[in-house]
Amino acid sequence: MSSDLARLYYAIALSAAALLLPLSIVHAQRSRETGAAVYRIDPQASDVRLLVYRDGVLSTFGHNHVVSLKEFTGTIHLQPRLAQSRVELEIPVDRLIVDDAAARRQEGEDFASEPSKEDGAATRTNMLSHALLNARQFPTIKVTGTSGPVDAKNSAVLDLSVDLVA
């Protein structure tokens, strides 16, 4: 997989994971400027999980991965008009965990195999390398989501932007 394709893949996977975040947040504060209720994500009660599926010519030799994280920060700005709401997450790249056994078990049959500790470490090293996330130059992933159109049930899909931040 080319490095550009790999970066795009991780960005898409991260976007999907952000949509699945539990609403584990601490109490809201009302913002004076906008009237938004601002919720802070509680990292002790929240997690981010990226489900990475094997693909490509050599996929029969690999396995699916669960990349997880508990140490991140973020806020949800809930506006009176839902379409003006947004979410912001900051993810420290060096805190990403590859193939935690408990997380793999929770994700079901697609993640039933258990890679060796050496395989997990090699995957993590590759993921953080210059060819993929380039963790030395870009230590933070910033996810910003804005609300898309709101439907009749007062729900919306987030439009997410994922940036690697130096």
Protein backbone atom coordinates (compact mmCIF):
# COMPACT_ATOMS: atom_id res chain seq x y z
CA MET A 1 0.00 0.00 0.00
CA SER A 2 1.45 3.41 -0.92
CA SER A 3 2.08 5.87 1.91
CA ASP A 4 -0.50 8.32 0.53
CA LEU A 5 -3.08 5.56 0.34
CA ALA A 6 -2.17 4.37 3.83
CA ARG A 7 -2.52 7.89 5.26
CA LEU A 8 -5.90 8.26 3.56
CA TYR A 9 -6.95 4.87 4.93
CA TYR A 10 -6.01 5.85 8.49
CA ALA A 11 -7.77 9.21 8.11
CA ILE A 12 -10.95 7.51 6.94
CA ALA A 13 -10.74 4.93 9.70
CA LEU A 14 -10.18 7.66 12.29
CA SER A 15 -13.17 9.59 10.97
CA ALA A 16 -15.36 6.53 11.30
CA ALA A 17 -14.13 5.91 14.82
CA ALA A 18 -14.87 9.48 15.85
CA LEU A 19 -18.46 8.99 14.74
CA LEU A 20 -18.71 5.98 17.03
CA LEU A 21 -17.37 7.71 20.14
CA PRO A 22 -19.57 7.11 23.14
CA LEU A 23 -20.99 10.24 24.65
CA SER A 24 -18.74 9.93 27.67
CA ILE A 25 -18.57 13.56 28.58
CA VAL A 26 -18.43 15.64 31.69
CA HIS A 27 -20.95 18.28 32.51
CA ALA A 28 -21.68 21.07 30.06
CA GLN A 29 -20.79 24.71 30.35
CA ARG A 30 -22.68 27.38 28.47
CA SER A 31 -20.47 29.38 26.11
CA ARG A 32 -21.06 33.13 26.41
CA GLU A 33 -20.21 33.96 22.80
CA THR A 34 -22.43 31.49 20.99
CA GLY A 35 -24.96 30.10 23.41
CA ALA A 36 -23.52 26.62 22.80
CA ALA A 37 -23.39 23.99 25.51
CA VAL A 38 -19.75 22.87 25.61
CA TYR A 39 -19.14 19.29 26.70
CA ARG A 40 -15.66 18.02 27.52
CA ILE A 41 -14.94 14.40 26.68
CA ASP A 42 -13.98 12.33 29.71
CA PRO A 43 -10.95 10.24 28.63
CA GLN A 44 -11.44 7.90 31.61
CA ALA A 45 -14.85 6.87 30.27
CA SER A 46 -14.19 7.15 26.53
CA ASP A 47 -12.11 5.47 23.91
CA VAL A 48 -11.34 5.71 20.23
CA ARG A 49 -11.07 2.52 18.20
CA LEU A 50 -9.93 2.14 14.65
CA LEU A 51 -10.82 -1.15 13.03
CA VAL A 52 -8.22 -1.80 10.35
CA TYR A 53 -9.03 -4.61 7.93
CA ARG A 54 -6.37 -6.42 5.93
CA ASP A 55 -6.41 -5.70 2.22
CA GLY A 56 -4.32 -6.04 -0.89
CA VAL A 57 -2.24 -8.74 -2.52
CA LEU A 58 -0.69 -10.05 0.71
CA SER A 59 -3.86 -9.83 2.82
CA THR A 60 -4.05 -13.60 3.27
CA PHE A 61 -0.81 -13.42 5.28
CA GLY A 62 -1.94 -10.63 7.60
CA HIS A 63 -4.67 -10.06 10.13
CA ASN A 64 -7.10 -7.31 11.03
CA HIS A 65 -6.00 -4.81 13.67
CA VAL A 66 -7.67 -2.86 16.44
CA VAL A 67 -5.93 0.46 17.08
CA SER A 68 -7.21 1.98 20.29
CA LEU A 69 -6.68 5.02 22.46
CA LYS A 70 -7.91 6.23 25.83
CA GLU A 71 -5.72 9.27 26.33
CA PHE A 72 -7.18 12.04 24.20
CA THR A 73 -8.97 15.31 24.71
CA GLY A 74 -11.95 16.83 23.03
CA THR A 75 -15.01 19.00 23.20
CA ILE A 76 -18.49 18.94 21.75
CA HIS A 77 -20.07 22.33 21.07
CA LEU A 78 -23.80 21.69 20.99
CA GLN A 79 -25.60 24.67 19.52
CA PRO A 80 -29.30 25.45 19.98
CA ARG A 81 -29.50 24.94 16.19
CA LEU A 82 -28.00 21.44 15.76
CA ALA A 83 -26.69 22.26 12.27
CA GLN A 84 -24.24 24.75 13.84
CA SER A 85 -22.74 22.22 16.29
CA ARG A 86 -19.20 20.86 16.13
CA VAL A 87 -16.81 18.40 17.74
CA GLU A 88 -13.05 18.72 18.23
CA LEU A 89 -10.68 15.90 19.21
CA GLU A 90 -6.93 15.94 19.79
CA ILE A 91 -5.26 12.54 19.63
CA PRO A 92 -1.62 12.07 20.66
CA VAL A 93 -0.21 9.72 18.01
CA ASP A 94 2.36 8.14 20.34
CA ARG A 95 -0.43 6.91 22.64
CA LEU A 96 -2.09 4.73 19.98
CA ILE A 97 -2.24 1.07 21.07
CA VAL A 98 -2.15 -1.72 18.48
CA ASP A 99 -4.01 -4.98 19.06
CA ASP A 100 -4.85 -4.81 22.75
CA ALA A 101 -6.19 -8.30 23.54
CA ALA A 102 -9.28 -7.06 25.42
CA ALA A 103 -10.20 -4.60 22.64
CA ARG A 104 -9.80 -7.35 20.02
CA ARG A 105 -12.16 -9.66 21.95
CA GLN A 106 -14.79 -6.92 22.18
CA GLU A 107 -14.74 -6.35 18.41
CA GLY A 108 -15.90 -9.86 17.53
CA GLU A 109 -15.12 -12.61 15.06
CA ASP A 110 -13.17 -10.49 12.55
CA PHE A 111 -10.60 -9.92 15.31
CA ALA A 112 -10.67 -13.37 16.94
CA SER A 113 -7.07 -14.26 16.06
CA GLU A 114 -4.50 -12.96 18.50
CA PRO A 115 -1.32 -11.61 16.94
CA SER A 116 1.91 -12.11 18.85
CA LYS A 117 3.32 -9.23 20.90
CA GLU A 118 6.13 -9.00 18.35
CA ASP A 119 3.62 -8.66 15.48
CA GLY A 120 1.72 -5.95 17.37
CA ALA A 121 4.93 -4.05 18.11
CA ALA A 122 6.07 -4.30 14.48
CA THR A 123 2.67 -3.07 13.26
CA ARG A 124 2.78 -0.14 15.70
CA THR A 125 6.34 0.76 14.65
CA ASN A 126 5.29 0.70 11.00
CA MET A 127 2.15 2.76 11.70
CA LEU A 128 4.15 5.48 13.50
CA SER A 129 6.95 5.47 10.90
CA HIS A 130 7.79 8.23 8.46
CA ALA A 131 6.04 6.25 5.70
CA LEU A 132 2.64 6.34 7.42
CA LEU A 133 1.69 8.66 10.30
CA ASN A 134 5.18 10.16 10.70
CA ALA A 135 4.69 10.52 14.46
CA ARG A 136 7.96 12.41 14.99
CA GLN A 137 6.96 15.24 12.69
CA PHE A 138 3.21 15.07 13.36
CA PRO A 139 2.66 14.07 17.02
CA THR A 140 -1.04 14.98 17.09
CA ILE A 141 -4.08 14.06 15.04
CA LYS A 142 -6.73 16.76 15.16
CA VAL A 143 -10.27 15.77 14.22
CA THR A 144 -12.80 18.53 13.66
CA GLY A 145 -16.37 17.71 12.84
CA THR A 146 -19.19 19.99 11.86
CA SER A 147 -22.81 19.02 11.65
CA GLY A 148 -24.24 18.25 8.27
CA PRO A 149 -27.91 18.65 7.37
CA VAL A 150 -30.32 17.87 10.20
CA ASP A 151 -33.17 15.46 9.41
CA ALA A 152 -36.73 15.36 10.72
CA LYS A 153 -35.62 13.22 13.69
CA ASN A 154 -33.19 16.00 14.73
CA SER A 155 -30.12 13.92 13.91
CA ALA A 156 -27.21 14.76 11.66
CA VAL A 157 -24.10 13.18 10.19
CA LEU A 158 -20.81 14.87 11.02
CA ASP A 159 -18.57 16.16 8.27
CA LEU A 160 -15.08 15.39 9.60
CA SER A 161 -11.69 16.88 8.87
CA VAL A 162 -8.62 14.94 9.98
CA ASP A 163 -5.29 16.77 10.19
CA LEU A 164 -1.83 15.65 11.25
CA VAL A 165 -0.44 18.49 13.40
CA ALA A 166 3.23 19.30 13.94
